[in-house]
N, C-alpha and C. Protein backbone atom coordinates (compact mmCIF):
# COMPACT_ATOMS: atom_id res chain seq x y z
N MET A 1 94.19 112.57 105.45
CA MET A 1 95.70 112.27 105.98
C MET A 1 95.99 111.53 104.88
N LYS A 2 97.37 111.58 105.48
CA LYS A 2 99.07 110.16 104.77
C LYS A 2 98.95 109.28 104.95
N TYR A 3 98.82 108.10 104.28
CA TYR A 3 99.00 106.35 104.17
C TYR A 3 100.04 106.37 103.63
N ARG A 4 100.32 104.71 104.38
CA ARG A 4 101.88 104.31 103.33
C ARG A 4 100.96 103.06 103.16
N LEU A 5 101.14 102.52 102.05
CA LEU A 5 100.68 101.57 102.43
C LEU A 5 101.40 99.77 101.88
N ILE A 6 100.72 99.41 102.72
CA ILE A 6 101.51 98.13 103.15
C ILE A 6 102.19 97.35 102.43
N GLU A 7 100.93 96.17 102.48
CA GLU A 7 99.77 95.09 101.72
C GLU A 7 99.03 95.69 100.78
N VAL A 8 98.60 94.37 100.78
CA VAL A 8 97.74 94.33 99.25
C VAL A 8 97.44 92.77 99.75
N GLU A 9 95.81 92.63 99.82
CA GLU A 9 95.47 91.28 98.99
C GLU A 9 94.06 91.12 98.29
N GLU A 10 94.18 90.73 97.65
CA GLU A 10 93.95 90.73 95.83
C GLU A 10 92.61 90.05 95.45
N TYR A 11 91.73 89.66 95.48
CA TYR A 11 90.56 88.94 94.90
C TYR A 11 90.09 89.11 94.04
N GLN A 12 89.10 87.92 93.22
CA GLN A 12 88.34 88.03 91.74
C GLN A 12 88.13 89.77 91.55
N ALA A 13 87.88 89.99 91.75
CA ALA A 13 87.14 91.61 90.91
C ALA A 13 87.54 92.65 92.49
N THR A 14 87.91 92.40 92.74
CA THR A 14 88.22 93.52 94.29
C THR A 14 89.29 92.90 95.52
N ARG A 15 89.40 94.13 95.96
CA ARG A 15 90.65 93.50 97.07
C ARG A 15 90.38 94.62 98.61
N ASP A 16 92.00 94.30 99.15
CA ASP A 16 92.47 94.90 100.58
C ASP A 16 93.65 95.68 100.67
N VAL A 17 93.30 97.05 101.27
CA VAL A 17 94.49 97.48 100.98
C VAL A 17 94.81 97.68 102.28
N TYR A 18 96.20 97.73 103.20
CA TYR A 18 96.49 97.34 104.09
C TYR A 18 96.56 99.31 103.95
N LEU A 19 96.53 100.21 104.72
CA LEU A 19 97.43 101.72 104.24
C LEU A 19 97.45 102.06 105.98
N LYS A 20 98.92 102.45 106.93
CA LYS A 20 99.49 102.93 107.33
C LYS A 20 99.14 104.25 107.64
N ASN A 21 98.37 104.47 109.26
CA ASN A 21 98.80 105.83 108.96
C ASN A 21 100.30 106.30 109.50
N GLU A 22 100.15 107.48 108.38
CA GLU A 22 102.10 108.62 108.48
C GLU A 22 102.37 109.34 110.15
N VAL A 23 100.79 109.60 110.83
CA VAL A 23 99.92 109.80 112.05
C VAL A 23 100.31 109.42 113.31
N THR A 24 99.60 108.52 113.07
CA THR A 24 99.05 107.79 114.09
C THR A 24 99.41 106.46 114.17
N ASP A 25 100.47 106.11 113.60
CA ASP A 25 100.62 104.26 113.19
C ASP A 25 100.00 103.47 112.99
N LYS A 26 98.27 103.89 113.14
CA LYS A 26 97.42 102.91 112.79
C LYS A 26 96.99 102.17 111.64
N ILE A 27 97.23 101.51 111.54
CA ILE A 27 97.09 100.13 109.93
C ILE A 27 95.99 100.01 110.23
N GLU A 28 95.91 100.49 108.60
CA GLU A 28 93.22 100.62 108.36
C GLU A 28 93.21 99.52 107.05
N LYS A 29 92.67 98.27 106.74
CA LYS A 29 91.75 98.06 106.27
C LYS A 29 90.73 98.22 105.91
N CYS A 30 91.11 98.23 104.43
CA CYS A 30 90.59 98.52 103.35
C CYS A 30 89.98 98.52 102.17
N PHE A 31 88.99 98.56 101.38
CA PHE A 31 88.30 97.74 101.01
C PHE A 31 87.93 98.87 99.49
N ASP A 32 89.09 97.67 98.44
CA ASP A 32 89.06 99.13 97.02
C ASP A 32 88.26 98.05 96.01
N ASP A 33 87.75 98.92 95.33
CA ASP A 33 86.37 97.78 93.98
C ASP A 33 86.96 98.77 92.92
N SER A 34 87.75 99.47 92.96
CA SER A 34 87.67 100.53 92.17
C SER A 34 88.28 100.25 91.02
N ASP A 35 88.64 98.86 90.36
CA ASP A 35 89.29 99.17 89.36
C ASP A 35 88.16 97.52 88.83
N TRP A 36 86.82 97.16 89.61
CA TRP A 36 86.24 96.60 89.35
C TRP A 36 85.24 96.88 89.13
N THR A 37 84.62 98.72 89.27
CA THR A 37 83.39 99.94 89.26
C THR A 37 83.67 101.19 88.31
N CYS A 38 85.51 101.30 88.63
CA CYS A 38 86.23 102.63 88.59
C CYS A 38 86.83 102.28 86.90
N LYS A 39 86.19 104.00 85.49
CA LYS A 39 87.63 103.48 84.95
C LYS A 39 88.52 103.93 84.58
N LYS A 40 88.94 105.06 86.04
CA LYS A 40 90.63 105.19 87.11
C LYS A 40 90.64 104.41 88.42
N SER A 41 91.19 103.47 88.29
CA SER A 41 90.97 102.81 89.72
C SER A 41 92.50 103.06 90.87
N PHE A 42 93.11 102.87 91.29
CA PHE A 42 93.33 103.40 92.21
C PHE A 42 95.01 102.26 92.53
N TYR A 43 94.74 101.24 91.87
CA TYR A 43 95.70 100.14 91.59
C TYR A 43 96.92 100.91 91.16
N TYR A 44 97.30 101.44 91.13
CA TYR A 44 98.03 102.12 90.82
C TYR A 44 99.32 102.49 91.50
N MET A 45 98.39 102.47 93.19
CA MET A 45 99.32 102.96 94.53
C MET A 45 100.21 101.83 94.27
N GLU A 46 102.13 101.80 94.98
CA GLU A 46 102.62 101.19 95.47
C GLU A 46 102.88 101.20 96.33
N ILE A 47 103.50 99.14 96.76
CA ILE A 47 103.91 99.09 98.47
C ILE A 47 104.68 100.02 99.14
N GLY A 48 104.46 101.02 99.87
CA GLY A 48 105.58 100.98 100.76
C GLY A 48 105.88 103.17 100.68
N LYS A 49 105.05 102.90 98.78
CA LYS A 49 104.74 104.26 98.79
C LYS A 49 103.73 104.87 99.84
N VAL A 50 104.16 106.30 99.81
CA VAL A 50 103.08 107.63 100.98
C VAL A 50 102.21 108.82 100.19
N TYR A 51 100.48 108.31 100.19
CA TYR A 51 99.33 108.42 99.40
C TYR A 51 98.27 109.86 100.51
N GLU A 52 97.80 110.02 100.03
CA GLU A 52 97.09 111.28 100.45
C GLU A 52 95.23 110.35 100.82
N CYS A 53 95.07 109.60 101.50
CA CYS A 53 94.15 109.12 101.34
C CYS A 53 92.78 109.59 101.98
N LYS A 54 91.57 109.22 101.54
CA LYS A 54 90.21 109.72 101.89
C LYS A 54 89.67 108.21 102.82
N LEU A 55 89.19 107.81 103.36
CA LEU A 55 88.14 106.88 104.11
C LEU A 55 86.81 106.49 104.80
N ILE A 56 86.34 106.24 104.52
CA ILE A 56 84.63 106.58 104.58
C ILE A 56 84.57 104.84 105.84
N LEU A 57 83.29 105.24 106.37
CA LEU A 57 83.29 104.21 107.29
C LEU A 57 81.82 103.75 106.89
N PHE A 58 80.95 102.48 106.56
CA PHE A 58 80.20 101.98 106.46
C PHE A 58 79.80 100.98 107.98
N GLY A 59 78.43 101.46 108.20
CA GLY A 59 78.15 100.63 109.10
C GLY A 59 76.77 102.07 109.99
N SER A 60 76.53 102.17 110.96
CA SER A 60 75.50 102.56 111.63
C SER A 60 76.15 103.53 112.79
N ILE A 61 74.87 103.50 113.42
CA ILE A 61 74.93 105.00 114.42
C ILE A 61 74.58 103.68 115.60
N ARG A 62 75.51 103.84 116.52
CA ARG A 62 75.09 102.66 118.64
C ARG A 62 74.90 104.54 119.38
N TYR A 63 74.15 103.45 120.60
CA TYR A 63 74.29 104.53 121.78
C TYR A 63 75.27 104.76 122.91
N LYS A 64 76.15 103.75 122.28
CA LYS A 64 77.14 103.17 123.59
C LYS A 64 77.88 102.24 122.43
N GLU A 65 79.56 102.64 123.33
CA GLU A 65 80.90 101.43 122.60
C GLU A 65 80.21 100.48 122.94
N GLY A 66 80.82 99.04 122.52
CA GLY A 66 80.91 98.09 122.14
C GLY A 66 82.21 97.60 121.20
N LYS A 67 81.75 96.32 120.94
CA LYS A 67 82.70 95.35 119.90
C LYS A 67 82.46 96.28 118.94
N ASN A 68 83.60 96.59 117.39
CA ASN A 68 83.33 96.96 116.95
C ASN A 68 83.35 98.18 116.55
N VAL A 69 83.06 99.12 118.12
CA VAL A 69 81.94 100.60 117.62
C VAL A 69 83.25 101.53 117.98
N LEU A 70 83.20 102.37 117.21
CA LEU A 70 84.42 103.89 117.10
C LEU A 70 83.30 104.67 117.88
N LYS A 71 83.99 105.34 118.57
CA LYS A 71 83.85 107.53 119.60
C LYS A 71 83.88 108.34 118.84
N CYS A 72 83.48 108.56 118.69
CA CYS A 72 83.90 109.47 116.80
C CYS A 72 83.36 111.11 117.21
N ILE A 73 84.53 112.21 117.72
CA ILE A 73 84.31 114.02 117.98
C ILE A 73 84.13 113.86 116.39
N VAL A 74 82.47 114.95 115.59
CA VAL A 74 82.48 115.72 114.18
C VAL A 74 83.16 117.03 114.23
N SER A 75 84.70 117.09 113.02
CA SER A 75 85.55 117.21 113.99
C SER A 75 85.50 118.45 112.13
N ASP A 76 84.10 118.06 111.09
CA ASP A 76 82.95 118.86 110.17
C ASP A 76 81.74 118.44 109.40
N ASN A 77 81.45 119.21 109.67
CA ASN A 77 79.97 118.70 109.21
C ASN A 77 79.00 119.20 107.83
N ASN A 78 79.64 119.91 107.59
CA ASN A 78 80.08 119.49 106.23
C ASN A 78 80.92 119.55 105.19
N VAL A 79 81.46 118.13 104.81
CA VAL A 79 81.61 117.76 103.60
C VAL A 79 81.32 117.33 102.24
N LEU A 80 82.38 118.10 101.02
CA LEU A 80 81.90 117.15 99.62
C LEU A 80 83.43 116.29 98.77
N ILE A 81 82.39 115.45 98.94
CA ILE A 81 83.74 114.24 97.96
C ILE A 81 82.40 113.45 97.07
N GLY A 82 83.30 114.74 95.65
CA GLY A 82 82.68 114.12 94.76
C GLY A 82 81.46 115.18 94.92
N GLU A 83 79.65 114.45 94.57
CA GLU A 83 79.67 114.93 94.43
C GLU A 83 77.98 114.25 95.93
N LYS A 84 78.74 113.76 96.64
CA LYS A 84 78.01 113.31 98.36
C LYS A 84 78.98 113.75 99.45
N GLU A 85 77.88 113.80 100.12
CA GLU A 85 77.68 114.78 101.79
C GLU A 85 77.80 113.90 102.87
N PHE A 86 79.21 114.01 102.89
CA PHE A 86 79.82 113.88 104.33
C PHE A 86 79.68 114.73 106.00
N ILE A 87 80.36 113.59 106.68
CA ILE A 87 80.47 114.30 107.95
C ILE A 87 82.26 114.16 107.95
N GLN A 88 82.75 115.54 108.03
CA GLN A 88 84.74 114.23 108.90
C GLN A 88 83.91 114.05 110.40
N VAL A 89 85.29 113.30 110.69
CA VAL A 89 85.09 112.68 112.38
C VAL A 89 86.44 111.77 112.58
N ASN A 90 86.45 112.97 114.10
CA ASN A 90 88.35 112.13 114.23
C ASN A 90 87.66 111.00 115.43
N CYS A 91 88.49 109.86 115.21
CA CYS A 91 87.83 108.87 115.66
C CYS A 91 89.28 108.59 116.37
N ASP A 92 89.81 108.40 117.63
CA ASP A 92 91.30 108.97 118.05
C ASP A 92 92.91 109.11 117.43
N GLU A 93 92.16 109.99 116.86
CA GLU A 93 92.88 111.30 115.74
C GLU A 93 93.09 110.24 114.93
N ASN A 94 92.55 109.62 114.29
CA ASN A 94 92.56 109.03 113.37
C ASN A 94 91.29 109.74 112.74
N ILE A 95 91.16 109.99 111.12
CA ILE A 95 90.12 110.69 110.49
C ILE A 95 88.86 110.02 109.34
N TYR A 96 87.68 109.31 109.62
CA TYR A 96 87.11 109.58 108.39
C TYR A 96 85.90 109.95 108.18
N TYR A 97 84.97 109.82 107.35
CA TYR A 97 84.51 110.16 106.65
C TYR A 97 83.04 109.31 106.86
N ILE A 98 82.23 109.63 106.93
CA ILE A 98 80.49 109.61 107.71
C ILE A 98 79.43 109.34 106.62
N ARG A 99 78.87 109.29 105.41
CA ARG A 99 77.80 109.45 104.78
C ARG A 99 77.09 110.83 105.60
N LYS A 100 76.49 111.89 104.55
CA LYS A 100 75.65 112.47 105.34
C LYS A 100 74.09 111.99 106.05
N CYS A 101 73.33 111.18 104.74
CA CYS A 101 71.66 111.11 104.82
C CYS A 101 71.83 109.22 106.11
N ASN A 102 73.31 108.85 106.54
CA ASN A 102 73.49 108.13 107.39
C ASN A 102 73.28 108.19 108.70
N VAL A 103 73.59 109.59 109.39
CA VAL A 103 74.13 110.08 110.84
C VAL A 103 73.32 111.35 110.69
N GLY A 104 73.06 111.80 109.52
CA GLY A 104 71.08 113.58 110.02
C GLY A 104 72.42 114.71 110.35
N GLU A 105 71.69 115.73 111.05
CA GLU A 105 72.52 116.73 111.31
C GLU A 105 72.80 116.38 112.75
N GLN A 106 74.94 116.80 111.57
CA GLN A 106 75.30 116.83 113.16
C GLN A 106 75.80 118.15 114.13
N LYS A 107 76.17 118.78 114.25
CA LYS A 107 77.40 119.98 114.93
C LYS A 107 78.79 119.04 115.31
N ILE A 108 79.76 120.26 114.79
CA ILE A 108 80.85 120.02 114.82
C ILE A 108 81.49 119.96 116.92
N GLY A 109 81.76 118.57 117.19
CA GLY A 109 82.27 118.71 118.94
C GLY A 109 80.97 117.49 118.41
N ASP A 110 80.23 117.33 117.99
CA ASP A 110 78.51 116.26 119.12
C ASP A 110 80.02 114.73 118.66
N ILE A 111 79.63 114.16 119.95
CA ILE A 111 79.98 112.59 120.27
C ILE A 111 79.58 111.49 119.61
N LEU A 112 79.78 110.51 118.32
CA LEU A 112 78.96 109.18 117.75
C LEU A 112 79.74 108.33 118.03
N TYR A 113 78.85 106.58 118.58
CA TYR A 113 79.57 105.92 118.22
C TYR A 113 79.04 105.62 116.97
N TYR A 114 79.82 104.37 116.17
CA TYR A 114 79.25 104.17 115.11
C TYR A 114 79.57 103.10 115.31
N TYR A 115 78.74 101.94 114.38
CA TYR A 115 78.77 100.73 114.34
C TYR A 115 79.64 100.35 113.36
N THR A 116 80.94 99.82 112.95
CA THR A 116 81.70 99.95 111.22
C THR A 116 81.49 98.01 111.10
N THR A 117 81.17 98.33 109.92
CA THR A 117 81.27 96.84 109.05
C THR A 117 82.20 97.36 107.97
N ARG A 118 82.91 98.38 107.57
CA ARG A 118 83.98 98.48 106.76
C ARG A 118 84.28 100.02 106.88
N ILE A 119 85.64 99.43 106.17
CA ILE A 119 86.10 101.22 105.94
C ILE A 119 86.26 100.93 103.88
N ASP A 120 85.96 101.64 103.31
CA ASP A 120 86.41 101.61 102.08
C ASP A 120 86.70 103.32 101.37
N LEU A 121 88.73 102.90 101.18
CA LEU A 121 88.99 104.19 100.55
C LEU A 121 88.35 104.47 98.72
N ILE A 122 88.04 105.30 99.17
CA ILE A 122 87.49 106.34 97.79
C ILE A 122 88.17 107.85 97.80
N GLN A 123 89.11 108.06 98.17
CA GLN A 123 90.59 108.17 97.52
C GLN A 123 90.91 108.92 97.39
N VAL A 124 92.60 108.65 96.68
CA VAL A 124 94.11 108.90 96.92
C VAL A 124 93.98 109.70 95.77
N ASP A 125 95.13 110.42 96.95
CA ASP A 125 95.70 111.69 96.24
C ASP A 125 94.43 112.82 95.21
N ASN A 126 94.40 112.83 94.70
CA ASN A 126 93.02 114.19 93.56
C ASN A 126 92.37 113.19 93.10
N LEU A 127 92.65 112.28 92.87
CA LEU A 127 91.30 110.94 92.01
C LEU A 127 90.27 110.11 93.06
N ILE A 128 88.84 110.57 92.75
CA ILE A 128 87.62 110.44 93.44
C ILE A 128 87.09 108.46 92.94
N HIS A 129 86.69 108.25 93.88
CA HIS A 129 86.07 106.89 93.48
C HIS A 129 85.36 107.30 92.59
N GLU A 130 85.20 106.22 91.24
CA GLU A 130 83.69 106.58 90.33
C GLU A 130 82.29 107.17 90.75
N ASP A 131 82.02 106.22 92.11
CA ASP A 131 80.96 105.68 93.39
C ASP A 131 80.24 107.15 94.02
N MET A 132 81.42 107.84 94.60
CA MET A 132 80.89 109.58 94.25
C MET A 132 80.08 109.87 93.35
N PHE A 133 80.01 110.09 92.14
CA PHE A 133 79.25 110.67 91.71
C PHE A 133 77.77 110.03 91.29
N LYS A 134 78.10 108.83 91.65
CA LYS A 134 76.55 107.95 91.30
C LYS A 134 75.33 108.47 92.08
N ASP A 135 74.05 108.08 91.52
CA ASP A 135 73.14 108.55 92.41
C ASP A 135 72.53 107.36 93.11
N TYR A 136 73.11 106.44 93.17
CA TYR A 136 72.63 105.59 93.60
C TYR A 136 73.38 104.71 95.42
N ILE A 137 74.68 105.42 95.32
CA ILE A 137 75.42 105.33 95.62
C ILE A 137 75.18 106.78 97.83
């Protein structure tokens, strides 16, 4: 999905980036530690510019809707980002990715309720976060 970078909050070694979805207008607060953990970081991004981004959800499955719980529909059950397997989910027309090992086997069209603790920026245009190639993630 295409996102416009609208704001950045810098911290000691990481940052939060605020991305506005160009289709849905939803603003996402995304964690970015690429400058600290990667040889090539996402810090080249400029406020006001549009980028093709992939966002992953951290959290856990729930059995019903609630606070910080997204109702997601599985739109692809076999996505490879770097060397990691994900499922792609659609939540109110916003696309996210969830590690397949966190949700088990899912079929396209399945509904998941996913409690989200954090959203991470893992790909900008063709640059993939290096964690997607490491064994411990």
